[in-house]
Amino acid sequence: MKRGEVWTLRDDAYASKARPVVVVQSEEFPGFGSVVLCLFTGFDSSGIPT
């Protein structure tokens, strides 16, 4: 996986169907057992108070 790539992820704990994710972790940190991703969803949170 390289920074900026878009992948599809399915995680039953997060969503019922596959969602697009973008890799945000820099390639300058090799050797980690995890990858930092940004998940995309179509949920509209504009009506939720902050």
N, C-alpha and C. Protein backbone atom coordinates (compact mmCIF):
# COMPACT_ATOMS: atom_id res chain seq x y z
N MET A 1 0.84 -1.18 0.00
CA MET A 1 0.00 0.00 0.00
C MET A 1 0.88 1.24 0.00
N LYS A 2 0.48 2.21 -0.80
CA LYS A 2 1.23 3.46 -0.88
C LYS A 2 0.32 4.64 -0.56
N ARG A 3 0.90 5.66 0.02
CA ARG A 3 0.15 6.86 0.38
C ARG A 3 -0.58 7.41 -0.84
N GLY A 4 -1.87 7.74 -0.66
CA GLY A 4 -2.67 8.30 -1.74
C GLY A 4 -3.48 7.27 -2.51
N GLU A 5 -3.16 5.99 -2.35
CA GLU A 5 -3.93 4.95 -3.04
C GLU A 5 -5.32 4.82 -2.43
N VAL A 6 -6.29 4.51 -3.26
CA VAL A 6 -7.66 4.27 -2.81
C VAL A 6 -7.92 2.77 -2.88
N TRP A 7 -8.42 2.22 -1.79
CA TRP A 7 -8.74 0.80 -1.68
C TRP A 7 -10.19 0.66 -1.26
N THR A 8 -10.68 -0.57 -1.32
CA THR A 8 -12.02 -0.88 -0.82
C THR A 8 -11.85 -1.75 0.42
N LEU A 9 -12.57 -1.38 1.49
CA LEU A 9 -12.47 -2.09 2.76
C LEU A 9 -13.85 -2.51 3.22
N ARG A 10 -13.96 -3.75 3.66
CA ARG A 10 -15.21 -4.22 4.27
C ARG A 10 -14.89 -4.65 5.68
N ASP A 11 -15.54 -4.02 6.65
CA ASP A 11 -15.36 -4.32 8.06
C ASP A 11 -16.74 -4.33 8.71
N ASP A 12 -17.21 -5.49 9.13
CA ASP A 12 -18.55 -5.60 9.69
C ASP A 12 -18.74 -4.74 10.94
N ALA A 13 -17.67 -4.40 11.63
CA ALA A 13 -17.79 -3.54 12.81
C ALA A 13 -18.03 -2.08 12.42
N TYR A 14 -17.72 -1.72 11.17
CA TYR A 14 -17.85 -0.34 10.72
C TYR A 14 -19.07 -0.12 9.84
N ALA A 15 -19.27 -0.98 8.87
CA ALA A 15 -20.36 -0.79 7.91
C ALA A 15 -20.77 -2.14 7.33
N SER A 16 -21.97 -2.18 6.81
CA SER A 16 -22.50 -3.45 6.29
C SER A 16 -22.03 -3.75 4.87
N LYS A 17 -21.45 -2.77 4.21
CA LYS A 17 -20.94 -3.01 2.85
C LYS A 17 -19.56 -2.39 2.69
N ALA A 18 -18.90 -2.75 1.62
CA ALA A 18 -17.54 -2.26 1.37
C ALA A 18 -17.55 -0.74 1.16
N ARG A 19 -16.53 -0.09 1.68
CA ARG A 19 -16.40 1.37 1.58
C ARG A 19 -15.03 1.74 1.03
N PRO A 20 -14.93 2.87 0.33
CA PRO A 20 -13.61 3.31 -0.14
C PRO A 20 -12.79 3.88 1.02
N VAL A 21 -11.50 3.65 0.97
CA VAL A 21 -10.56 4.21 1.94
C VAL A 21 -9.35 4.74 1.18
N VAL A 22 -8.70 5.74 1.74
CA VAL A 22 -7.46 6.25 1.14
C VAL A 22 -6.34 6.06 2.16
N VAL A 23 -5.19 5.65 1.68
CA VAL A 23 -4.02 5.44 2.54
C VAL A 23 -3.41 6.80 2.83
N VAL A 24 -3.29 7.16 4.12
CA VAL A 24 -2.72 8.46 4.50
C VAL A 24 -1.35 8.32 5.17
N GLN A 25 -0.94 7.11 5.50
CA GLN A 25 0.36 6.90 6.14
C GLN A 25 1.48 7.05 5.13
N SER A 26 2.51 7.75 5.54
CA SER A 26 3.68 7.95 4.68
C SER A 26 4.47 6.67 4.52
N GLU A 27 5.08 6.49 3.35
CA GLU A 27 5.94 5.32 3.13
C GLU A 27 7.25 5.45 3.91
N GLU A 28 7.49 6.59 4.53
CA GLU A 28 8.72 6.81 5.28
C GLU A 28 8.72 6.12 6.64
N PHE A 29 7.64 5.42 6.98
CA PHE A 29 7.55 4.71 8.25
C PHE A 29 7.35 3.22 8.02
N PRO A 30 8.31 2.54 7.41
CA PRO A 30 8.16 1.11 7.17
C PRO A 30 8.31 0.31 8.46
N GLY A 31 7.81 -0.91 8.44
CA GLY A 31 7.99 -1.80 9.58
C GLY A 31 6.87 -1.77 10.60
N PHE A 32 5.86 -0.93 10.40
CA PHE A 32 4.72 -0.92 11.32
C PHE A 32 3.77 -2.05 10.98
N GLY A 33 3.09 -2.59 11.98
CA GLY A 33 2.13 -3.67 11.76
C GLY A 33 0.74 -3.16 11.41
N SER A 34 0.61 -1.86 11.17
CA SER A 34 -0.68 -1.29 10.83
C SER A 34 -0.49 -0.20 9.77
N VAL A 35 -1.61 0.23 9.20
CA VAL A 35 -1.59 1.28 8.17
C VAL A 35 -2.66 2.30 8.54
N VAL A 36 -2.36 3.58 8.43
CA VAL A 36 -3.32 4.64 8.72
C VAL A 36 -4.15 4.89 7.47
N LEU A 37 -5.49 4.76 7.62
CA LEU A 37 -6.42 4.94 6.51
C LEU A 37 -7.43 6.01 6.85
N CYS A 38 -8.02 6.61 5.83
CA CYS A 38 -9.15 7.53 5.99
C CYS A 38 -10.34 6.87 5.30
N LEU A 39 -11.37 6.56 6.09
CA LEU A 39 -12.55 5.89 5.56
C LEU A 39 -13.58 6.92 5.09
N PHE A 40 -14.24 6.62 3.99
CA PHE A 40 -15.27 7.51 3.45
C PHE A 40 -16.64 6.89 3.66
N THR A 41 -17.61 7.75 3.94
CA THR A 41 -18.98 7.30 4.11
C THR A 41 -19.91 8.39 3.58
N GLY A 42 -21.14 8.03 3.35
CA GLY A 42 -22.13 8.98 2.87
C GLY A 42 -23.03 9.48 3.98
N PHE A 43 -22.67 9.23 5.24
CA PHE A 43 -23.48 9.64 6.38
C PHE A 43 -23.50 11.16 6.50
N ASP A 44 -24.69 11.74 6.57
CA ASP A 44 -24.83 13.18 6.72
C ASP A 44 -24.98 13.51 8.20
N SER A 45 -23.98 14.13 8.77
CA SER A 45 -24.01 14.45 10.20
C SER A 45 -24.42 15.90 10.47
N SER A 46 -24.90 16.61 9.46
CA SER A 46 -25.20 18.04 9.63
C SER A 46 -26.33 18.29 10.63
N GLY A 47 -27.21 17.32 10.85
CA GLY A 47 -28.31 17.51 11.79
C GLY A 47 -27.98 17.09 13.21
N ILE A 48 -26.77 16.61 13.44
CA ILE A 48 -26.38 16.15 14.76
C ILE A 48 -25.73 17.30 15.52
N PRO A 49 -26.24 17.61 16.73
CA PRO A 49 -25.63 18.71 17.49
C PRO A 49 -24.21 18.38 17.92
N THR A 50 -23.38 19.41 18.01
CA THR A 50 -21.99 19.20 18.43
C THR A 50 -21.75 19.72 19.82
